[in-house]
PDB file of N, CA and C in Angstrom:
ATOM      1  N   THR A   1      16.721 -54.830 -19.467  1.00  0.00           N
ATOM      2  CA  THR A   1      17.662 -53.778 -19.812  1.00  0.00           C
ATOM      3  C   THR A   1      17.683 -53.564 -21.314  1.00  0.00           C
ATOM      4  N   ASP A   2      17.987 -52.358 -21.738  1.00  0.00           N
ATOM      5  CA  ASP A   2      17.979 -52.074 -23.168  1.00  0.00           C
ATOM      6  C   ASP A   2      19.365 -52.175 -23.804  1.00  0.00           C
ATOM      7  N   THR A   3      20.392 -52.369 -23.006  1.00  0.00           N
ATOM      8  CA  THR A   3      21.746 -52.466 -23.537  1.00  0.00           C
ATOM      9  C   THR A   3      22.465 -53.629 -22.880  1.00  0.00           C
ATOM     10  N   GLY A   4      23.061 -54.455 -23.705  1.00  0.00           N
ATOM     11  CA  GLY A   4      23.851 -55.569 -23.196  1.00  0.00           C
ATOM     12  C   GLY A   4      25.171 -55.621 -23.938  1.00  0.00           C
ATOM     13  N   LEU A   5      26.123 -56.269 -23.339  1.00  0.00           N
ATOM     14  CA  LEU A   5      27.443 -56.412 -23.942  1.00  0.00           C
ATOM     15  C   LEU A   5      27.803 -57.881 -24.042  1.00  0.00           C
ATOM     16  N   VAL A   6      28.385 -58.235 -25.181  1.00  0.00           N
ATOM     17  CA  VAL A   6      28.934 -59.567 -25.370  1.00  0.00           C
ATOM     18  C   VAL A   6      30.416 -59.385 -25.665  1.00  0.00           C
ATOM     19  N   VAL A   7      31.252 -59.982 -24.844  1.00  0.00           N
ATOM     20  CA  VAL A   7      32.697 -59.932 -25.043  1.00  0.00           C
ATOM     21  C   VAL A   7      33.125 -61.296 -25.547  1.00  0.00           C
ATOM     22  N   HIS A   8      33.670 -61.307 -26.764  1.00  0.00           N
ATOM     23  CA  HIS A   8      34.157 -62.558 -27.337  1.00  0.00           C
ATOM     24  C   HIS A   8      35.672 -62.616 -27.162  1.00  0.00           C
ATOM     25  N   LEU A   9      36.115 -63.527 -26.316  1.00  0.00           N
ATOM     26  CA  LEU A   9      37.545 -63.730 -26.086  1.00  0.00           C
ATOM     27  C   LEU A   9      38.027 -64.689 -27.165  1.00  0.00           C
ATOM     28  N   ALA A  10      38.549 -64.135 -28.242  1.00  0.00           N
ATOM     29  CA  ALA A  10      38.794 -64.897 -29.473  1.00  0.00           C
ATOM     30  C   ALA A  10      40.212 -65.433 -29.604  1.00  0.00           C
ATOM     31  N   ASP A  11      40.936 -65.506 -28.525  1.00  0.00           N
ATOM     32  CA  ASP A  11      42.306 -66.011 -28.574  1.00  0.00           C
ATOM     33  C   ASP A  11      42.298 -67.512 -28.313  1.00  0.00           C
ATOM     34  N   PHE A  12      43.282 -68.220 -28.858  1.00  0.00           N
ATOM     35  CA  PHE A  12      43.374 -69.664 -28.636  1.00  0.00           C
ATOM     36  C   PHE A  12      44.183 -70.017 -27.388  1.00  0.00           C
ATOM     37  N   ASP A  13      44.776 -69.039 -26.738  1.00  0.00           N
ATOM     38  CA  ASP A  13      45.526 -69.281 -25.503  1.00  0.00           C
ATOM     39  C   ASP A  13      44.507 -69.420 -24.367  1.00  0.00           C
ATOM     40  N   GLU A  14      44.206 -70.659 -24.011  1.00  0.00           N
ATOM     41  CA  GLU A  14      43.138 -70.898 -23.035  1.00  0.00           C
ATOM     42  C   GLU A  14      43.451 -70.344 -21.655  1.00  0.00           C
ATOM     43  N   ASN A  15      44.718 -70.299 -21.266  1.00  0.00           N
ATOM     44  CA  ASN A  15      45.057 -69.685 -19.970  1.00  0.00           C
ATOM     45  C   ASN A  15      44.645 -68.225 -19.962  1.00  0.00           C
ATOM     46  N   TRP A  16      44.971 -67.501 -21.021  1.00  0.00           N
ATOM     47  CA  TRP A  16      44.581 -66.088 -21.122  1.00  0.00           C
ATOM     48  C   TRP A  16      43.061 -65.959 -21.144  1.00  0.00           C
ATOM     49  N   VAL A  17      42.416 -66.826 -21.900  1.00  0.00           N
ATOM     50  CA  VAL A  17      40.943 -66.776 -21.993  1.00  0.00           C
ATOM     51  C   VAL A  17      40.319 -66.959 -20.614  1.00  0.00           C
ATOM     52  N   PHE A  18      40.758 -67.981 -19.873  1.00  0.00           N
ATOM     53  CA  PHE A  18      40.179 -68.243 -18.555  1.00  0.00           C
ATOM     54  C   PHE A  18      40.478 -67.112 -17.573  1.00  0.00           C
ATOM     55  N   GLN A  19      41.695 -66.583 -17.608  1.00  0.00           N
ATOM     56  CA  GLN A  19      42.038 -65.461 -16.723  1.00  0.00           C
ATOM     57  C   GLN A  19      41.193 -64.231 -17.053  1.00  0.00           C
ATOM     58  N   SER A  20      41.051 -63.941 -18.337  1.00  0.00           N
ATOM     59  CA  SER A  20      40.260 -62.778 -18.756  1.00  0.00           C
ATOM     60  C   SER A  20      38.791 -62.957 -18.406  1.00  0.00           C
ATOM     61  N   ARG A  21      38.273 -64.156 -18.640  1.00  0.00           N
ATOM     62  CA  ARG A  21      36.877 -64.446 -18.308  1.00  0.00           C
ATOM     63  C   ARG A  21      36.633 -64.259 -16.812  1.00  0.00           C
ATOM     64  N   ASP A  22      37.517 -64.832 -16.012  1.00  0.00           N
ATOM     65  CA  ASP A  22      37.351 -64.723 -14.566  1.00  0.00           C
ATOM     66  C   ASP A  22      37.457 -63.276 -14.093  1.00  0.00           C
ATOM     67  N   TRP A  23      38.384 -62.524 -14.667  1.00  0.00           N
ATOM     68  CA  TRP A  23      38.520 -61.112 -14.289  1.00  0.00           C
ATOM     69  C   TRP A  23      37.251 -60.351 -14.640  1.00  0.00           C
ATOM     70  N   LEU A  24      36.735 -60.542 -15.854  1.00  0.00           N
ATOM     71  CA  LEU A  24      35.514 -59.842 -16.262  1.00  0.00           C
ATOM     72  C   LEU A  24      34.330 -60.225 -15.372  1.00  0.00           C
ATOM     73  N   ARG A  25      34.193 -61.499 -15.078  1.00  0.00           N
ATOM     74  CA  ARG A  25      33.080 -61.951 -14.230  1.00  0.00           C
ATOM     75  C   ARG A  25      33.165 -61.374 -12.825  1.00  0.00           C
ATOM     76  N   ASN A  26      34.374 -61.256 -12.294  1.00  0.00           N
ATOM     77  CA  ASN A  26      34.538 -60.696 -10.951  1.00  0.00           C
ATOM     78  C   ASN A  26      34.417 -59.181 -10.947  1.00  0.00           C
ATOM     79  N   ALA A  27      35.031 -58.527 -11.935  1.00  0.00           N
ATOM     80  CA  ALA A  27      35.017 -57.064 -11.981  1.00  0.00           C
ATOM     81  C   ALA A  27      33.629 -56.512 -12.304  1.00  0.00           C
ATOM     82  N   PHE A  28      32.830 -57.287 -13.032  1.00  0.00           N
ATOM     83  CA  PHE A  28      31.504 -56.831 -13.456  1.00  0.00           C
ATOM     84  C   PHE A  28      30.424 -57.836 -13.030  1.00  0.00           C
ATOM     85  N   GLU A  29      30.534 -58.274 -11.785  1.00  0.00           N
ATOM     86  CA  GLU A  29      29.632 -59.309 -11.266  1.00  0.00           C
ATOM     87  C   GLU A  29      28.164 -58.895 -11.360  1.00  0.00           C
ATOM     88  N   ASP A  30      27.865 -57.642 -11.044  1.00  0.00           N
ATOM     89  CA  ASP A  30      26.466 -57.182 -11.110  1.00  0.00           C
ATOM     90  C   ASP A  30      25.923 -57.258 -12.526  1.00  0.00           C
ATOM     91  N   GLU A  31      26.737 -56.859 -13.508  1.00  0.00           N
ATOM     92  CA  GLU A  31      26.305 -56.883 -14.906  1.00  0.00           C
ATOM     93  C   GLU A  31      26.106 -58.319 -15.400  1.00  0.00           C
ATOM     94  N   VAL A  32      26.983 -59.220 -14.964  1.00  0.00           N
ATOM     95  CA  VAL A  32      26.848 -60.632 -15.341  1.00  0.00           C
ATOM     96  C   VAL A  32      25.575 -61.200 -14.734  1.00  0.00           C
ATOM     97  N   GLN A  33      25.345 -60.948 -13.443  1.00  0.00           N
ATOM     98  CA  GLN A  33      24.155 -61.465 -12.762  1.00  0.00           C
ATOM     99  C   GLN A  33      22.865 -60.923 -13.378  1.00  0.00           C
ATOM    100  N   ALA A  34      22.911 -59.680 -13.844  1.00  0.00           N
ATOM    101  CA  ALA A  34      21.735 -59.053 -14.450  1.00  0.00           C
ATOM    102  C   ALA A  34      21.588 -59.410 -15.928  1.00  0.00           C
ATOM    103  N   ASN A  35      22.473 -60.263 -16.426  1.00  0.00           N
ATOM    104  CA  ASN A  35      22.435 -60.710 -17.823  1.00  0.00           C
ATOM    105  C   ASN A  35      22.719 -59.574 -18.810  1.00  0.00           C
ATOM    106  N   ARG A  36      23.450 -58.567 -18.354  1.00  0.00           N
ATOM    107  CA  ARG A  36      23.836 -57.457 -19.233  1.00  0.00           C
ATOM    108  C   ARG A  36      25.219 -57.658 -19.834  1.00  0.00           C
ATOM    109  N   LEU A  37      26.001 -58.574 -19.276  1.00  0.00           N
ATOM    110  CA  LEU A  37      27.351 -58.850 -19.784  1.00  0.00           C
ATOM    111  C   LEU A  37      27.492 -60.348 -19.997  1.00  0.00           C
ATOM    112  N   HIS A  38      27.837 -60.709 -21.217  1.00  0.00           N
ATOM    113  CA  HIS A  38      28.076 -62.097 -21.590  1.00  0.00           C
ATOM    114  C   HIS A  38      29.529 -62.201 -22.022  1.00  0.00           C
ATOM    115  N   VAL A  39      30.235 -63.183 -21.509  1.00  0.00           N
ATOM    116  CA  VAL A  39      31.629 -63.428 -21.891  1.00  0.00           C
ATOM    117  C   VAL A  39      31.660 -64.789 -22.568  1.00  0.00           C
ATOM    118  N   ILE A  40      32.054 -64.804 -23.857  1.00  0.00           N
ATOM    119  CA  ILE A  40      32.019 -66.045 -24.622  1.00  0.00           C
ATOM    120  C   ILE A  40      33.389 -66.339 -25.226  1.00  0.00           C
ATOM    121  N   HIS A  41      33.548 -67.586 -25.649  1.00  0.00           N
ATOM    122  CA  HIS A  41      34.791 -68.028 -26.291  1.00  0.00           C
ATOM    123  C   HIS A  41      34.458 -69.185 -27.221  1.00  0.00           C
ATOM    124  N   ALA A  42      34.870 -69.073 -28.479  1.00  0.00           N
ATOM    125  CA  ALA A  42      34.684 -70.167 -29.428  1.00  0.00           C
ATOM    126  C   ALA A  42      35.891 -71.092 -29.343  1.00  0.00           C
ATOM    127  N   PRO A  43      35.673 -72.376 -29.100  1.00  0.00           N
ATOM    128  CA  PRO A  43      36.810 -73.289 -28.985  1.00  0.00           C
ATOM    129  C   PRO A  43      37.552 -73.432 -30.316  1.00  0.00           C
ATOM    130  N   GLU A  44      38.830 -73.679 -30.216  1.00  0.00           N
ATOM    131  CA  GLU A  44      39.691 -73.773 -31.406  1.00  0.00           C
ATOM    132  C   GLU A  44      39.220 -74.858 -32.369  1.00  0.00           C
ATOM    133  N   ARG A  45      38.568 -75.892 -31.880  1.00  0.00           N
ATOM    134  CA  ARG A  45      38.132 -76.984 -32.742  1.00  0.00           C
ATOM    135  C   ARG A  45      37.063 -76.549 -33.754  1.00  0.00           C
ATOM    136  N   LEU A  46      36.436 -75.391 -33.548  1.00  0.00           N
ATOM    137  CA  LEU A  46      35.450 -74.887 -34.513  1.00  0.00           C
ATOM    138  C   LEU A  46      36.101 -74.242 -35.732  1.00  0.00           C
ATOM    139  N   TYR A  47      37.386 -74.008 -35.675  1.00  0.00           N
ATOM    140  CA  TYR A  47      38.105 -73.327 -36.748  1.00  0.00           C
ATOM    141  C   TYR A  47      38.854 -74.340 -37.612  1.00  0.00           C
ATOM    142  N   PRO A  48      38.988 -74.047 -38.913  1.00  0.00           N
ATOM    143  CA  PRO A  48      39.814 -74.930 -39.748  1.00  0.00           C
ATOM    144  C   PRO A  48      41.283 -74.831 -39.335  1.00  0.00           C
ATOM    145  N   ALA A  49      42.034 -75.860 -39.653  1.00  0.00           N
ATOM    146  CA  ALA A  49      43.460 -75.880 -39.322  1.00  0.00           C
ATOM    147  C   ALA A  49      44.180 -74.730 -40.025  1.00  0.00           C
ATOM    148  N   LYS A  50      45.121 -74.138 -39.318  1.00  0.00           N
ATOM    149  CA  LYS A  50      45.889 -73.021 -39.860  1.00  0.00           C
ATOM    150  C   LYS A  50      46.532 -73.401 -41.195  1.00  0.00           C
ATOM    151  N   GLU A  51      47.066 -74.601 -41.274  1.00  0.00           N
ATOM    152  CA  GLU A  51      47.737 -75.052 -42.491  1.00  0.00           C
ATOM    153  C   GLU A  51      46.763 -75.110 -43.669  1.00  0.00           C
ATOM    154  N   GLN A  52      45.535 -75.509 -43.410  1.00  0.00           N
ATOM    155  CA  GLN A  52      44.516 -75.599 -44.457  1.00  0.00           C
ATOM    156  C   GLN A  52      44.228 -74.224 -45.050  1.00  0.00           C
ATOM    157  N   ILE A  53      44.149 -73.225 -44.226  1.00  0.00           N
ATOM    158  CA  ILE A  53      43.876 -71.860 -44.683  1.00  0.00           C
ATOM    159  C   ILE A  53      45.097 -71.281 -45.391  1.00  0.00           C
ATOM    160  N   MET A  54      46.259 -71.488 -44.814  1.00  0.00           N
ATOM    161  CA  MET A  54      47.460 -70.833 -45.317  1.00  0.00           C
ATOM    162  C   MET A  54      47.916 -71.381 -46.668  1.00  0.00           C
ATOM    163  N   LYS A  55      47.472 -72.564 -47.071  1.00  0.00           N
ATOM    164  CA  LYS A  55      47.902 -73.108 -48.358  1.00  0.00           C
ATOM    165  C   LYS A  55      47.080 -72.561 -49.522  1.00  0.00           C
ATOM    166  N   ASN A  56      45.953 -71.939 -49.227  1.00  0.00           N
ATOM    167  CA  ASN A  56      45.082 -71.387 -50.268  1.00  0.00           C
ATOM    168  C   ASN A  56      45.061 -69.863 -50.194  1.00  0.00           C
ATOM    169  N   THR A  57      46.198 -69.238 -50.414  1.00  0.00           N
ATOM    170  CA  THR A  57      46.264 -67.782 -50.270  1.00  0.00           C
ATOM    171  C   THR A  57      45.520 -67.096 -51.412  1.00  0.00           C
ATOM    172  N   LYS A  58      44.927 -65.963 -51.084  1.00  0.00           N
ATOM    173  CA  LYS A  58      44.162 -65.169 -52.043  1.00  0.00           C
ATOM    174  C   LYS A  58      44.466 -63.696 -51.804  1.00  0.00           C
ATOM    175  N   TYR A  59      44.073 -62.899 -52.757  1.00  0.00           N
ATOM    176  CA  TYR A  59      44.167 -61.441 -52.654  1.00  0.00           C
ATOM    177  C   TYR A  59      45.599 -60.948 -52.471  1.00  0.00           C
ATOM    178  N   GLY A  60      46.573 -61.782 -52.774  1.00  0.00           N
ATOM    179  CA  GLY A  60      47.963 -61.369 -52.643  1.00  0.00           C
ATOM    180  C   GLY A  60      48.450 -61.270 -51.216  1.00  0.00           C
ATOM    181  N   ASP A  61      47.643 -61.724 -50.277  1.00  0.00           N
ATOM    182  CA  ASP A  61      48.045 -61.672 -48.868  1.00  0.00           C
ATOM    183  C   ASP A  61      49.061 -62.763 -48.556  1.00  0.00           C
ATOM    184  N   PRO A  62      50.005 -62.470 -47.667  1.00  0.00           N
ATOM    185  CA  PRO A  62      50.882 -63.540 -47.183  1.00  0.00           C
ATOM    186  C   PRO A  62      50.048 -64.578 -46.429  1.00  0.00           C
ATOM    187  N   PRO A  63      50.533 -65.820 -46.343  1.00  0.00           N
ATOM    188  CA  PRO A  63      49.751 -66.890 -45.698  1.00  0.00           C
ATOM    189  C   PRO A  63      49.269 -66.556 -44.281  1.00  0.00           C
ATOM    190  N   LEU A  64      50.097 -65.949 -43.457  1.00  0.00           N
ATOM    191  CA  LEU A  64      49.675 -65.644 -42.091  1.00  0.00           C
ATOM    192  C   LEU A  64      48.538 -64.619 -42.066  1.00  0.00           C
ATOM    193  N   ARG A  65      48.612 -63.638 -42.941  1.00  0.00           N
ATOM    194  CA  ARG A  65      47.532 -62.637 -43.035  1.00  0.00           C
ATOM    195  C   ARG A  65      46.242 -63.298 -43.519  1.00  0.00           C
ATOM    196  N   GLN A  66      46.348 -64.227 -44.458  1.00  0.00           N
ATOM    197  CA  GLN A  66      45.177 -64.946 -44.954  1.00  0.00           C
ATOM    198  C   GLN A  66      44.527 -65.750 -43.816  1.00  0.00           C
ATOM    199  N   TRP A  67      45.341 -66.394 -42.988  1.00  0.00           N
ATOM    200  CA  TRP A  67      44.806 -67.144 -41.853  1.00  0.00           C
ATOM    201  C   TRP A  67      44.117 -66.198 -40.875  1.00  0.00           C
ATOM    202  N   TRP A  68      44.754 -65.061 -40.596  1.00  0.00           N
ATOM    203  CA  TRP A  68      44.167 -64.093 -39.670  1.00  0.00           C
ATOM    204  C   TRP A  68      42.820 -63.610 -40.190  1.00  0.00           C
ATOM    205  N   ARG A  69      42.742 -63.331 -41.490  1.00  0.00           N
ATOM    206  CA  ARG A  69      41.490 -62.847 -42.085  1.00  0.00           C
ATOM    207  C   ARG A  69      40.391 -63.915 -41.972  1.00  0.00           C
ATOM    208  N   ALA A  70      40.737 -65.163 -42.246  1.00  0.00           N
ATOM    209  CA  ALA A  70      39.758 -66.251 -42.152  1.00  0.00           C
ATOM    210  C   ALA A  70      39.293 -66.423 -40.703  1.00  0.00           C
ATOM    211  N   LYS A  71      40.225 -66.380 -39.763  1.00  0.00           N
ATOM    212  CA  LYS A  71      39.871 -66.520 -38.348  1.00  0.00           C
ATOM    213  C   LYS A  71      38.958 -65.386 -37.909  1.00  0.00           C
ATOM    214  N   GLN A  72      39.278 -64.167 -38.338  1.00  0.00           N
ATOM    215  CA  GLN A  72      38.454 -63.020 -37.966  1.00  0.00           C
ATOM    216  C   GLN A  72      37.023 -63.178 -38.487  1.00  0.00           C
ATOM    217  N   ASN A  73      36.867 -63.667 -39.703  1.00  0.00           N
ATOM    218  CA  ASN A  73      35.526 -63.895 -40.253  1.00  0.00           C
ATOM    219  C   ASN A  73      34.748 -64.896 -39.410  1.00  0.00           C
ATOM    220  N   LEU A  74      35.407 -65.971 -38.991  1.00  0.00           N
ATOM    221  CA  LEU A  74      34.744 -66.963 -38.156  1.00  0.00           C
ATOM    222  C   LEU A  74      34.463 -66.420 -36.758  1.00  0.00           C
ATOM    223  N   ASP A  75      35.378 -65.606 -36.231  1.00  0.00           N
ATOM    224  CA  ASP A  75      35.128 -64.946 -34.944  1.00  0.00           C
ATOM    225  C   ASP A  75      33.846 -64.119 -35.013  1.00  0.00           C
ATOM    226  N   TYR A  76      33.707 -63.323 -36.071  1.00  0.00           N
ATOM    227  CA  TYR A  76      32.527 -62.479 -36.227  1.00  0.00           C
ATOM    228  C   TYR A  76      31.263 -63.317 -36.385  1.00  0.00           C
ATOM    229  N   ALA A  77      31.347 -64.393 -37.150  1.00  0.00           N
ATOM    230  CA  ALA A  77      30.180 -65.260 -37.349  1.00  0.00           C
ATOM    231  C   ALA A  77      29.732 -65.865 -36.016  1.00  0.00           C
ATOM    232  N   PHE A  78      30.681 -66.328 -35.212  1.00  0.00           N
ATOM    233  CA  PHE A  78      30.347 -66.907 -33.906  1.00  0.00           C
ATOM    234  C   PHE A  78      29.710 -65.853 -33.006  1.00  0.00           C
ATOM    235  N   LEU A  79      30.290 -64.676 -32.980  1.00  0.00           N
ATOM    236  CA  LEU A  79      29.764 -63.588 -32.156  1.00  0.00           C
ATOM    237  C   LEU A  79      28.347 -63.208 -32.578  1.00  0.00           C
ATOM    238  N   MET A  80      28.116 -63.074 -33.876  1.00  0.00           N
ATOM    239  CA  MET A  80      26.774 -62.714 -34.356  1.00  0.00           C
ATOM    240  C   MET A  80      25.772 -63.829 -34.081  1.00  0.00           C
ATOM    241  N   TRP A  81      26.209 -65.080 -34.229  1.00  0.00           N
ATOM    242  CA  TRP A  81      25.325 -66.209 -33.929  1.00  0.00           C
ATOM    243  C   TRP A  81      24.896 -66.152 -32.463  1.00  0.00           C
ATOM    244  N   TYR A  82      25.857 -65.943 -31.576  1.00  0.00           N
ATOM    245  CA  TYR A  82      25.539 -65.901 -30.144  1.00  0.00           C
ATOM    246  C   TYR A  82      24.596 -64.741 -29.829  1.00  0.00           C
ATOM    247  N   ALA A  83      24.870 -63.592 -30.388  1.00  0.00           N
ATOM    248  CA  ALA A  83      24.127 -62.375 -30.046  1.00  0.00           C
ATOM    249  C   ALA A  83      22.782 -62.270 -30.759  1.00  0.00           C
ATOM    250  N   SER A  84      22.538 -63.103 -31.739  1.00  0.00           N
ATOM    251  CA  SER A  84      21.358 -62.935 -32.593  1.00  0.00           C
ATOM    252  C   SER A  84      20.031 -62.929 -31.839  1.00  0.00           C
ATOM    253  N   GLY A  85      19.903 -63.647 -30.767  1.00  0.00           N
ATOM    254  CA  GLY A  85      18.639 -63.679 -30.049  1.00  0.00           C
ATOM    255  C   GLY A  85      18.591 -62.801 -28.820  1.00  0.00           C
ATOM    256  N   LEU A  86      19.615 -61.992 -28.596  1.00  0.00           N
ATOM    257  CA  LEU A  86      19.679 -61.219 -27.352  1.00  0.00           C
ATOM    258  C   LEU A  86      18.944 -59.883 -27.412  1.00  0.00           C
ATOM    259  N   ALA A  87      18.830 -59.300 -28.594  1.00  0.00           N
ATOM    260  CA  ALA A  87      18.246 -57.955 -28.684  1.00  0.00           C
ATOM    261  C   ALA A  87      17.746 -57.681 -30.093  1.00  0.00           C
ATOM    262  N   LYS A  88      16.992 -56.622 -30.211  1.00  0.00           N
ATOM    263  CA  LYS A  88      16.478 -56.207 -31.515  1.00  0.00           C
ATOM    264  C   LYS A  88      17.602 -55.635 -32.380  1.00  0.00           C
ATOM    265  N   TYR A  89      18.532 -54.922 -31.767  1.00  0.00           N
ATOM    266  CA  TYR A  89      19.631 -54.291 -32.490  1.00  0.00           C
ATOM    267  C   TYR A  89      20.952 -54.935 -32.100  1.00  0.00           C
ATOM    268  N   TYR A  90      21.879 -54.864 -33.033  1.00  0.00           N
ATOM    269  CA  TYR A  90      23.222 -55.421 -32.808  1.00  0.00           C
ATOM    270  C   TYR A  90      24.238 -54.418 -33.324  1.00  0.00           C
ATOM    271  N   MET A  91      25.225 -54.109 -32.526  1.00  0.00           N
ATOM    272  CA  MET A  91      26.326 -53.247 -32.960  1.00  0.00           C
ATOM    273  C   MET A  91      27.618 -53.920 -32.519  1.00  0.00           C
ATOM    274  N   GLN A  92      28.528 -54.029 -33.448  1.00  0.00           N
ATOM    275  CA  GLN A  92      29.810 -54.650 -33.133  1.00  0.00           C
ATOM    276  C   GLN A  92      30.885 -53.587 -33.117  1.00  0.00           C
ATOM    277  N   LEU A  93      31.649 -53.574 -32.038  1.00  0.00           N
ATOM    278  CA  LEU A  93      32.761 -52.637 -31.910  1.00  0.00           C
ATOM    279  C   LEU A  93      34.052 -53.419 -31.761  1.00  0.00           C
ATOM    280  N   GLU A  94      35.071 -52.959 -32.425  1.00  0.00           N
ATOM    281  CA  GLU A  94      36.391 -53.573 -32.300  1.00  0.00           C
ATOM    282  C   GLU A  94      37.002 -53.214 -30.951  1.00  0.00           C
ATOM    283  N   ASP A  95      38.023 -53.950 -30.567  1.00  0.00           N
ATOM    284  CA  ASP A  95      38.642 -53.718 -29.264  1.00  0.00           C
ATOM    285  C   ASP A  95      39.470 -52.438 -29.205  1.00  0.00           C
ATOM    286  N   ASP A  96      39.697 -51.802 -30.346  1.00  0.00           N
ATOM    287  CA  ASP A  96      40.491 -50.575 -30.341  1.00  0.00           C
ATOM    288  C   ASP A  96      39.647 -49.321 -30.563  1.00  0.00           C
ATOM    289  N   VAL A  97      38.325 -49.443 -30.441  1.00  0.00           N
ATOM    290  CA  VAL A  97      37.433 -48.296 -30.622  1.00  0.00           C
ATOM    291  C   VAL A  97      37.476 -47.406 -29.388  1.00  0.00           C
ATOM    292  N   GLN A  98      37.510 -46.123 -29.619  1.00  0.00           N
ATOM    293  CA  GLN A  98      37.406 -45.151 -28.526  1.00  0.00           C
ATOM    294  C   GLN A  98      36.156 -44.322 -28.777  1.00  0.00           C
ATOM    295  N   VAL A  99      35.212 -44.416 -27.867  1.00  0.00           N
ATOM    296  CA  VAL A  99      33.945 -43.716 -28.053  1.00  0.00           C
ATOM    297  C   VAL A  99      33.977 -42.359 -27.365  1.00  0.00           C
ATOM    298  N   THR A 100      33.107 -41.480 -27.817  1.00  0.00           N
ATOM    299  CA  THR A 100      32.979 -40.155 -27.212  1.00  0.00           C
ATOM    300  C   THR A 100      32.037 -40.245 -26.017  1.00  0.00           C
ATOM    301  N   PRO A 101      32.063 -39.237 -25.130  1.00  0.00           N
ATOM    302  CA  PRO A 101      31.180 -39.281 -23.951  1.00  0.00           C
ATOM    303  C   PRO A 101      29.697 -39.399 -24.300  1.00  0.00           C
ATOM    304  N   SER A 102      29.275 -38.907 -25.439  1.00  0.00           N
ATOM    305  CA  SER A 102      27.852 -38.956 -25.785  1.00  0.00           C
ATOM    306  C   SER A 102      27.505 -40.133 -26.698  1.00  0.00           C
ATOM    307  N   PHE A 103      28.389 -41.079 -26.817  1.00  0.00           N
ATOM    308  CA  PHE A 103      28.188 -42.191 -27.747  1.00  0.00           C
ATOM    309  C   PHE A 103      26.905 -42.972 -27.471  1.00  0.00           C
ATOM    310  N   LEU A 104      26.746 -43.495 -26.263  1.00  0.00           N
ATOM    311  CA  LEU A 104      25.589 -44.330 -25.963  1.00  0.00           C
ATOM    312  C   LEU A 104      24.271 -43.558 -26.049  1.00  0.00           C
ATOM    313  N   PRO A 105      24.172 -42.349 -25.508  1.00  0.00           N
ATOM    314  CA  PRO A 105      22.916 -41.606 -25.693  1.00  0.00           C
ATOM    315  C   PRO A 105      22.592 -41.355 -27.171  1.00  0.00           C
ATOM    316  N   THR A 106      23.596 -41.113 -27.978  1.00  0.00           N
ATOM    317  CA  THR A 106      23.363 -40.887 -29.409  1.00  0.00           C
ATOM    318  C   THR A 106      22.845 -42.153 -30.072  1.00  0.00           C
ATOM    319  N   VAL A 107      23.421 -43.291 -29.744  1.00  0.00           N
ATOM    320  CA  VAL A 107      22.958 -44.559 -30.290  1.00  0.00           C
ATOM    321  C   VAL A 107      21.526 -44.830 -29.848  1.00  0.00           C
ATOM    322  N   ARG A 108      21.225 -44.598 -28.585  1.00  0.00           N
ATOM    323  CA  ARG A 108      19.863 -44.828 -28.075  1.00  0.00           C
ATOM    324  C   ARG A 108      18.843 -43.925 -28.774  1.00  0.00           C
ATOM    325  N   ARG A 109      19.200 -42.666 -29.018  1.00  0.00           N
ATOM    326  CA  ARG A 109      18.290 -41.756 -29.738  1.00  0.00           C
ATOM    327  C   ARG A 109      18.017 -42.288 -31.141  1.00  0.00           C
ATOM    328  N   PHE A 110      19.013 -42.787 -31.797  1.00  0.00           N
ATOM    329  CA  PHE A 110      18.844 -43.331 -33.141  1.00  0.00           C
ATOM    330  C   PHE A 110      17.892 -44.528 -33.116  1.00  0.00           C
ATOM    331  N   MET A 111      18.022 -45.393 -32.108  1.00  0.00           N
ATOM    332  CA  MET A 111      17.179 -46.597 -32.043  1.00  0.00           C
ATOM    333  C   MET A 111      15.727 -46.253 -31.738  1.00  0.00           C
ATOM    334  N   ASN A 112      15.512 -45.140 -31.047  1.00  0.00           N
ATOM    335  CA  ASN A 112      14.133 -44.748 -30.730  1.00  0.00           C
ATOM    336  C   ASN A 112      13.565 -43.992 -31.886  1.00  0.00           C
TER     337      ASN A 112
END
């Protein structure tokens, strides 16, 4: 296949992660079996402690925002590491992106 999806469930609430993973695997069983959909999760132990990040604030951000920014960077690094060998091209979309009906054909034309 020329298009695959990797969903990174980046929350530390493992109950939510497992429920979401199971729902995705059941709802998109054909895509999972065909290796077109990958559902991944980076365990919390790969991240530095929240307190460690929050004590070294930068850029004038409040401590919680600084922690969120650091976590997001590590989330992206984990996602890119996982996806690096899956395809020639990589595109990352945020969970709040709304695409147009011609989005995928336009992307495919660009890649060709």
